[in-house]
């Protein structure tokens, strides 16, 4: 039972990190994003790779 709770907690933490990362990437000033080679449309894909490793 403890492992299920731990897995749920880890999943919730990862989801929060994913949501936060997407928000930060989408709210980044356009000039900064372009300087870093980041397109706002790719925010979800970048966040998924950063948080979940896919």
C-alpha atoms as a PDB file:
ATOM      1  CA  UNK A   1       0.000   0.000   0.000  1.00  0.00           C
ATOM      2  CA  UNK A   2       2.833   2.365   0.798  1.00  0.00           C
ATOM      3  CA  UNK A   3       4.371   1.912  -2.631  1.00  0.00           C
ATOM      4  CA  UNK A   4       1.094   2.894  -4.314  1.00  0.00           C
ATOM      5  CA  UNK A   5       0.952   6.073  -2.255  1.00  0.00           C
ATOM      6  CA  UNK A   6       4.583   6.816  -3.082  1.00  0.00           C
ATOM      7  CA  UNK A   7       3.930   6.249  -6.791  1.00  0.00           C
ATOM      8  CA  UNK A   8       0.916   8.557  -6.719  1.00  0.00           C
ATOM      9  CA  UNK A   9       2.923  11.219  -4.918  1.00  0.00           C
ATOM     10  CA  UNK A  10       5.747  10.945  -7.465  1.00  0.00           C
ATOM     11  CA  UNK A  11       3.269  11.120 -10.353  1.00  0.00           C
ATOM     12  CA  UNK A  12       1.630  14.226  -8.861  1.00  0.00           C
ATOM     13  CA  UNK A  13       5.016  15.896  -8.389  1.00  0.00           C
ATOM     14  CA  UNK A  14       5.995  15.146 -11.985  1.00  0.00           C
ATOM     15  CA  UNK A  15       2.669  16.457 -13.279  1.00  0.00           C
ATOM     16  CA  UNK A  16       3.144  19.673 -11.291  1.00  0.00           C
ATOM     17  CA  UNK A  17       6.667  20.061 -12.683  1.00  0.00           C
ATOM     18  CA  UNK A  18       5.362  19.429 -16.210  1.00  0.00           C
ATOM     19  CA  UNK A  19       2.593  22.020 -15.839  1.00  0.00           C
ATOM     20  CA  UNK A  20       5.000  24.569 -14.352  1.00  0.00           C
ATOM     21  CA  UNK A  21       7.550  23.987 -17.134  1.00  0.00           C
ATOM     22  CA  UNK A  22       4.941  24.368 -19.888  1.00  0.00           C
ATOM     23  CA  UNK A  23       3.733  27.607 -18.304  1.00  0.00           C
ATOM     24  CA  UNK A  24       7.255  28.998 -17.983  1.00  0.00           C
ATOM     25  CA  UNK A  25       8.141  28.136 -21.575  1.00  0.00           C
ATOM     26  CA  UNK A  26       4.924  29.640 -22.933  1.00  0.00           C
ATOM     27  CA  UNK A  27       5.292  32.833 -20.899  1.00  0.00           C
ATOM     28  CA  UNK A  28       8.961  33.350 -21.802  1.00  0.00           C
ATOM     29  CA  UNK A  29       9.578  36.570 -23.749  1.00  0.00           C
ATOM     30  CA  UNK A  30       9.641  35.858 -27.475  1.00  0.00           C
ATOM     31  CA  UNK A  31      13.166  37.236 -27.948  1.00  0.00           C
ATOM     32  CA  UNK A  32      14.535  35.024 -25.181  1.00  0.00           C
ATOM     33  CA  UNK A  33      12.786  31.947 -26.545  1.00  0.00           C
ATOM     34  CA  UNK A  34      14.076  32.574 -30.052  1.00  0.00           C
ATOM     35  CA  UNK A  35      17.612  33.154 -28.749  1.00  0.00           C
ATOM     36  CA  UNK A  36      17.420  29.733 -27.074  1.00  0.00           C
ATOM     37  CA  UNK A  37      15.947  28.109 -30.165  1.00  0.00           C
ATOM     38  CA  UNK A  38      12.644  27.411 -28.422  1.00  0.00           C
ATOM     39  CA  UNK A  39       9.327  27.727 -30.212  1.00  0.00           C
ATOM     40  CA  UNK A  40       6.357  28.282 -27.919  1.00  0.00           C
ATOM     41  CA  UNK A  41       4.344  25.721 -29.872  1.00  0.00           C
ATOM     42  CA  UNK A  42       6.844  23.078 -28.717  1.00  0.00           C
ATOM     43  CA  UNK A  43       6.439  23.891 -25.000  1.00  0.00           C
ATOM     44  CA  UNK A  44       4.474  20.723 -24.181  1.00  0.00           C
ATOM     45  CA  UNK A  45       6.935  18.493 -26.042  1.00  0.00           C
ATOM     46  CA  UNK A  46       9.956  20.144 -24.383  1.00  0.00           C
ATOM     47  CA  UNK A  47       8.361  19.932 -20.922  1.00  0.00           C
ATOM     48  CA  UNK A  48       7.465  16.263 -21.413  1.00  0.00           C
ATOM     49  CA  UNK A  49      11.030  15.427 -22.384  1.00  0.00           C
ATOM     50  CA  UNK A  50      12.452  17.457 -19.472  1.00  0.00           C
ATOM     51  CA  UNK A  51      10.185  15.977 -16.797  1.00  0.00           C
ATOM     52  CA  UNK A  52       9.389  12.465 -18.004  1.00  0.00           C
ATOM     53  CA  UNK A  53      12.448  11.811 -20.139  1.00  0.00           C
ATOM     54  CA  UNK A  54      10.521  10.885 -23.298  1.00  0.00           C
END
